Amino acid sequence: MYETGKTAQVAAEMMKFNLTVLGISESRWTGPGQKRLTSGELLLYSGHEQEDAAH
């Protein structure tokens, strides 16, 4: 999901399939956090603390 627009694509797919919760593995994001998407969804994530950690 590093690429520009990938979070928007995920949000669109969630709406398409009427999903309210979705788990994504191996996103390669570091540290915990949250991000509100422009479409209104709240993205919660928790990754490794170090960028070079084995996934």
PDB file of N, CA and C in Angstrom:
ATOM      1  N   MET A   1       0.816  -1.192   0.000  1.00  0.00           N
ATOM      2  CA  MET A   1       0.000   0.000   0.000  1.00  0.00           C
ATOM      3  C   MET A   1       0.861   1.258   0.000  1.00  0.00           C
ATOM      4  N   TYR A   2       2.146   1.129  -0.285  1.00  0.00           N
ATOM      5  CA  TYR A   2       3.006   2.309  -0.363  1.00  0.00           C
ATOM      6  C   TYR A   2       2.647   3.200  -1.547  1.00  0.00           C
ATOM      7  N   GLU A   3       2.202   2.592  -2.635  1.00  0.00           N
ATOM      8  CA  GLU A   3       1.945   3.357  -3.843  1.00  0.00           C
ATOM      9  C   GLU A   3       0.797   4.338  -3.642  1.00  0.00           C
ATOM     10  N   THR A   4       0.913   5.486  -4.298  1.00  0.00           N
ATOM     11  CA  THR A   4      -0.129   6.508  -4.221  1.00  0.00           C
ATOM     12  C   THR A   4      -1.444   5.940  -4.734  1.00  0.00           C
ATOM     13  N   GLY A   5      -2.512   6.170  -3.980  1.00  0.00           N
ATOM     14  CA  GLY A   5      -3.834   5.733  -4.400  1.00  0.00           C
ATOM     15  C   GLY A   5      -4.232   4.346  -3.946  1.00  0.00           C
ATOM     16  N   LYS A   6      -3.324   3.588  -3.361  1.00  0.00           N
ATOM     17  CA  LYS A   6      -3.659   2.227  -2.938  1.00  0.00           C
ATOM     18  C   LYS A   6      -4.684   2.215  -1.807  1.00  0.00           C
ATOM     19  N   THR A   7      -4.588   3.162  -0.870  1.00  0.00           N
ATOM     20  CA  THR A   7      -5.579   3.186   0.207  1.00  0.00           C
ATOM     21  C   THR A   7      -6.955   3.533  -0.347  1.00  0.00           C
ATOM     22  N   ALA A   8      -7.004   4.409  -1.340  1.00  0.00           N
ATOM     23  CA  ALA A   8      -8.283   4.742  -1.973  1.00  0.00           C
ATOM     24  C   ALA A   8      -8.842   3.529  -2.704  1.00  0.00           C
ATOM     25  N   GLN A   9      -7.975   2.744  -3.314  1.00  0.00           N
ATOM     26  CA  GLN A   9      -8.409   1.535  -4.009  1.00  0.00           C
ATOM     27  C   GLN A   9      -8.971   0.521  -3.009  1.00  0.00           C
ATOM     28  N   VAL A  10      -8.320   0.385  -1.864  1.00  0.00           N
ATOM     29  CA  VAL A  10      -8.808  -0.521  -0.823  1.00  0.00           C
ATOM     30  C   VAL A  10     -10.180  -0.062  -0.328  1.00  0.00           C
ATOM     31  N   ALA A  11     -10.341   1.243  -0.094  1.00  0.00           N
ATOM     32  CA  ALA A  11     -11.628   1.782   0.355  1.00  0.00           C
ATOM     33  C   ALA A  11     -12.717   1.517  -0.677  1.00  0.00           C
ATOM     34  N   ALA A  12     -12.397   1.677  -1.956  1.00  0.00           N
ATOM     35  CA  ALA A  12     -13.377   1.425  -3.017  1.00  0.00           C
ATOM     36  C   ALA A  12     -13.782  -0.042  -3.060  1.00  0.00           C
ATOM     37  N   GLU A  13     -12.823  -0.940  -2.880  1.00  0.00           N
ATOM     38  CA  GLU A  13     -13.128  -2.372  -2.864  1.00  0.00           C
ATOM     39  C   GLU A  13     -13.993  -2.735  -1.660  1.00  0.00           C
ATOM     40  N   MET A  14     -13.723  -2.104  -0.518  1.00  0.00           N
ATOM     41  CA  MET A  14     -14.543  -2.356   0.671  1.00  0.00           C
ATOM     42  C   MET A  14     -15.985  -1.942   0.420  1.00  0.00           C
ATOM     43  N   MET A  15     -16.175  -0.797  -0.214  1.00  0.00           N
ATOM     44  CA  MET A  15     -17.530  -0.334  -0.523  1.00  0.00           C
ATOM     45  C   MET A  15     -18.196  -1.266  -1.536  1.00  0.00           C
ATOM     46  N   LYS A  16     -17.441  -1.709  -2.522  1.00  0.00           N
ATOM     47  CA  LYS A  16     -17.957  -2.596  -3.570  1.00  0.00           C
ATOM     48  C   LYS A  16     -18.515  -3.886  -2.976  1.00  0.00           C
ATOM     49  N   PHE A  17     -17.815  -4.435  -1.986  1.00  0.00           N
ATOM     50  CA  PHE A  17     -18.223  -5.697  -1.377  1.00  0.00           C
ATOM     51  C   PHE A  17     -18.967  -5.509  -0.056  1.00  0.00           C
ATOM     52  N   ASN A  18     -19.324  -4.259   0.255  1.00  0.00           N
ATOM     53  CA  ASN A  18     -20.090  -3.927   1.459  1.00  0.00           C
ATOM     54  C   ASN A  18     -19.400  -4.436   2.732  1.00  0.00           C
ATOM     55  N   LEU A  19     -18.097  -4.187   2.842  1.00  0.00           N
ATOM     56  CA  LEU A  19     -17.318  -4.603   4.006  1.00  0.00           C
ATOM     57  C   LEU A  19     -17.167  -3.437   4.973  1.00  0.00           C
ATOM     58  N   THR A  20     -17.282  -3.719   6.262  1.00  0.00           N
ATOM     59  CA  THR A  20     -17.062  -2.685   7.269  1.00  0.00           C
ATOM     60  C   THR A  20     -15.734  -2.875   7.993  1.00  0.00           C
ATOM     61  N   VAL A  21     -15.195  -4.095   7.945  1.00  0.00           N
ATOM     62  CA  VAL A  21     -13.907  -4.401   8.570  1.00  0.00           C
ATOM     63  C   VAL A  21     -13.098  -5.221   7.571  1.00  0.00           C
ATOM     64  N   LEU A  22     -11.819  -4.908   7.459  1.00  0.00           N
ATOM     65  CA  LEU A  22     -10.944  -5.633   6.541  1.00  0.00           C
ATOM     66  C   LEU A  22      -9.564  -5.747   7.162  1.00  0.00           C
ATOM     67  N   GLY A  23      -9.008  -6.932   7.180  1.00  0.00           N
ATOM     68  CA  GLY A  23      -7.647  -7.143   7.665  1.00  0.00           C
ATOM     69  C   GLY A  23      -6.698  -7.270   6.489  1.00  0.00           C
ATOM     70  N   ILE A  24      -5.601  -6.558   6.547  1.00  0.00           N
ATOM     71  CA  ILE A  24      -4.602  -6.593   5.478  1.00  0.00           C
ATOM     72  C   ILE A  24      -3.275  -7.004   6.094  1.00  0.00           C
ATOM     73  N   SER A  25      -2.640  -7.990   5.504  1.00  0.00           N
ATOM     74  CA  SER A  25      -1.333  -8.408   6.015  1.00  0.00           C
ATOM     75  C   SER A  25      -0.232  -7.955   5.061  1.00  0.00           C
ATOM     76  N   GLU A  26       0.967  -7.850   5.592  1.00  0.00           N
ATOM     77  CA  GLU A  26       2.161  -7.491   4.833  1.00  0.00           C
ATOM     78  C   GLU A  26       2.029  -6.161   4.100  1.00  0.00           C
ATOM     79  N   SER A  27       1.547  -5.154   4.796  1.00  0.00           N
ATOM     80  CA  SER A  27       1.429  -3.828   4.184  1.00  0.00           C
ATOM     81  C   SER A  27       2.758  -3.080   4.187  1.00  0.00           C
ATOM     82  N   ARG A  28       3.715  -3.538   4.982  1.00  0.00           N
ATOM     83  CA  ARG A  28       5.051  -2.957   5.081  1.00  0.00           C
ATOM     84  C   ARG A  28       5.071  -1.569   5.716  1.00  0.00           C
ATOM     85  N   TRP A  29       4.037  -1.197   6.423  1.00  0.00           N
ATOM     86  CA  TRP A  29       4.033   0.082   7.142  1.00  0.00           C
ATOM     87  C   TRP A  29       4.718  -0.133   8.476  1.00  0.00           C
ATOM     88  N   THR A  30       5.447   0.873   8.953  1.00  0.00           N
ATOM     89  CA  THR A  30       6.155   0.738  10.222  1.00  0.00           C
ATOM     90  C   THR A  30       5.394   1.443  11.336  1.00  0.00           C
ATOM     91  N   GLY A  31       5.516   0.870  12.531  1.00  0.00           N
ATOM     92  CA  GLY A  31       4.898   1.461  13.716  1.00  0.00           C
ATOM     93  C   GLY A  31       3.379   1.397  13.693  1.00  0.00           C
ATOM     94  N   PRO A  32       2.770   1.693  14.827  1.00  0.00           N
ATOM     95  CA  PRO A  32       1.308   1.718  14.910  1.00  0.00           C
ATOM     96  C   PRO A  32       0.778   3.108  14.559  1.00  0.00           C
ATOM     97  N   GLY A  33      -0.469   3.164  14.157  1.00  0.00           N
ATOM     98  CA  GLY A  33      -1.072   4.463  13.873  1.00  0.00           C
ATOM     99  C   GLY A  33      -2.457   4.344  13.285  1.00  0.00           C
ATOM    100  N   GLN A  34      -2.984   5.467  12.904  1.00  0.00           N
ATOM    101  CA  GLN A  34      -4.286   5.501  12.251  1.00  0.00           C
ATOM    102  C   GLN A  34      -4.305   6.636  11.247  1.00  0.00           C
ATOM    103  N   LYS A  35      -5.142   6.478  10.232  1.00  0.00           N
ATOM    104  CA  LYS A  35      -5.236   7.485   9.182  1.00  0.00           C
ATOM    105  C   LYS A  35      -6.684   7.552   8.715  1.00  0.00           C
ATOM    106  N   ARG A  36      -7.229   8.752   8.676  1.00  0.00           N
ATOM    107  CA  ARG A  36      -8.585   8.954   8.156  1.00  0.00           C
ATOM    108  C   ARG A  36      -8.459   9.192   6.650  1.00  0.00           C
ATOM    109  N   LEU A  37      -9.111   8.354   5.853  1.00  0.00           N
ATOM    110  CA  LEU A  37      -9.064   8.496   4.407  1.00  0.00           C
ATOM    111  C   LEU A  37      -9.992   9.613   3.959  1.00  0.00           C
ATOM    112  N   THR A  38      -9.753  10.148   2.780  1.00  0.00           N
ATOM    113  CA  THR A  38     -10.595  11.234   2.270  1.00  0.00           C
ATOM    114  C   THR A  38     -12.029  10.777   2.076  1.00  0.00           C
ATOM    115  N   SER A  39     -12.230   9.472   1.903  1.00  0.00           N
ATOM    116  CA  SER A  39     -13.580   8.929   1.734  1.00  0.00           C
ATOM    117  C   SER A  39     -14.284   8.719   3.072  1.00  0.00           C
ATOM    118  N   GLY A  40     -13.573   8.974   4.193  1.00  0.00           N
ATOM    119  CA  GLY A  40     -14.181   8.907   5.513  1.00  0.00           C
ATOM    120  C   GLY A  40     -13.829   7.684   6.333  1.00  0.00           C
ATOM    121  N   GLU A  41     -13.296   6.641   5.709  1.00  0.00           N
ATOM    122  CA  GLU A  41     -12.941   5.432   6.450  1.00  0.00           C
ATOM    123  C   GLU A  41     -11.743   5.696   7.356  1.00  0.00           C
ATOM    124  N   LEU A  42     -11.686   4.943   8.448  1.00  0.00           N
ATOM    125  CA  LEU A  42     -10.567   5.038   9.378  1.00  0.00           C
ATOM    126  C   LEU A  42      -9.693   3.809   9.191  1.00  0.00           C
ATOM    127  N   LEU A  43      -8.447   4.027   8.863  1.00  0.00           N
ATOM    128  CA  LEU A  43      -7.488   2.952   8.656  1.00  0.00           C
ATOM    129  C   LEU A  43      -6.618   2.848   9.900  1.00  0.00           C
ATOM    130  N   LEU A  44      -6.638   1.688  10.553  1.00  0.00           N
ATOM    131  CA  LEU A  44      -5.797   1.417  11.723  1.00  0.00           C
ATOM    132  C   LEU A  44      -4.706   0.451  11.295  1.00  0.00           C
ATOM    133  N   TYR A  45      -3.479   0.695  11.720  1.00  0.00           N
ATOM    134  CA  TYR A  45      -2.403  -0.202  11.336  1.00  0.00           C
ATOM    135  C   TYR A  45      -1.416  -0.374  12.481  1.00  0.00           C
ATOM    136  N   SER A  46      -0.724  -1.497  12.435  1.00  0.00           N
ATOM    137  CA  SER A  46       0.312  -1.784  13.409  1.00  0.00           C
ATOM    138  C   SER A  46       1.382  -2.604  12.709  1.00  0.00           C
ATOM    139  N   GLY A  47       2.544  -2.014  12.543  1.00  0.00           N
ATOM    140  CA  GLY A  47       3.628  -2.687  11.844  1.00  0.00           C
ATOM    141  C   GLY A  47       4.855  -2.800  12.718  1.00  0.00           C
ATOM    142  N   HIS A  48       5.928  -3.294  12.125  1.00  0.00           N
ATOM    143  CA  HIS A  48       7.200  -3.403  12.837  1.00  0.00           C
ATOM    144  C   HIS A  48       7.713  -2.018  13.197  1.00  0.00           C
ATOM    145  N   GLU A  49       8.510  -1.947  14.244  1.00  0.00           N
ATOM    146  CA  GLU A  49       9.080  -0.670  14.670  1.00  0.00           C
ATOM    147  C   GLU A  49      10.206  -0.214  13.747  1.00  0.00           C
ATOM    148  N   GLN A  50      10.908  -1.154  13.122  1.00  0.00           N
ATOM    149  CA  GLN A  50      12.040  -0.809  12.260  1.00  0.00           C
ATOM    150  C   GLN A  50      11.679  -1.086  10.803  1.00  0.00           C
ATOM    151  N   GLU A  51      12.114  -0.190   9.906  1.00  0.00           N
ATOM    152  CA  GLU A  51      11.813  -0.364   8.485  1.00  0.00           C
ATOM    153  C   GLU A  51      12.450  -1.613   7.899  1.00  0.00           C
ATOM    154  N   ASP A  52      13.632  -1.990   8.384  1.00  0.00           N
ATOM    155  CA  ASP A  52      14.335  -3.131   7.806  1.00  0.00           C
ATOM    156  C   ASP A  52      14.034  -4.451   8.523  1.00  0.00           C
ATOM    157  N   ALA A  53      12.996  -4.485   9.342  1.00  0.00           N
ATOM    158  CA  ALA A  53      12.633  -5.708  10.065  1.00  0.00           C
ATOM    159  C   ALA A  53      12.104  -6.757   9.091  1.00  0.00           C
ATOM    160  N   ALA A  54      12.368  -8.014   9.391  1.00  0.00           N
ATOM    161  CA  ALA A  54      11.841  -9.102   8.556  1.00  0.00           C
ATOM    162  C   ALA A  54      10.327  -9.157   8.692  1.00  0.00           C
ATOM    163  N   HIS A  55       9.647  -9.306   7.583  1.00  0.00           N
ATOM    164  CA  HIS A  55       8.180  -9.348   7.601  1.00  0.00           C
ATOM    165  C   HIS A  55       7.699 -10.763   7.493  1.00  0.00           C
TER     166      HIS A  55
END
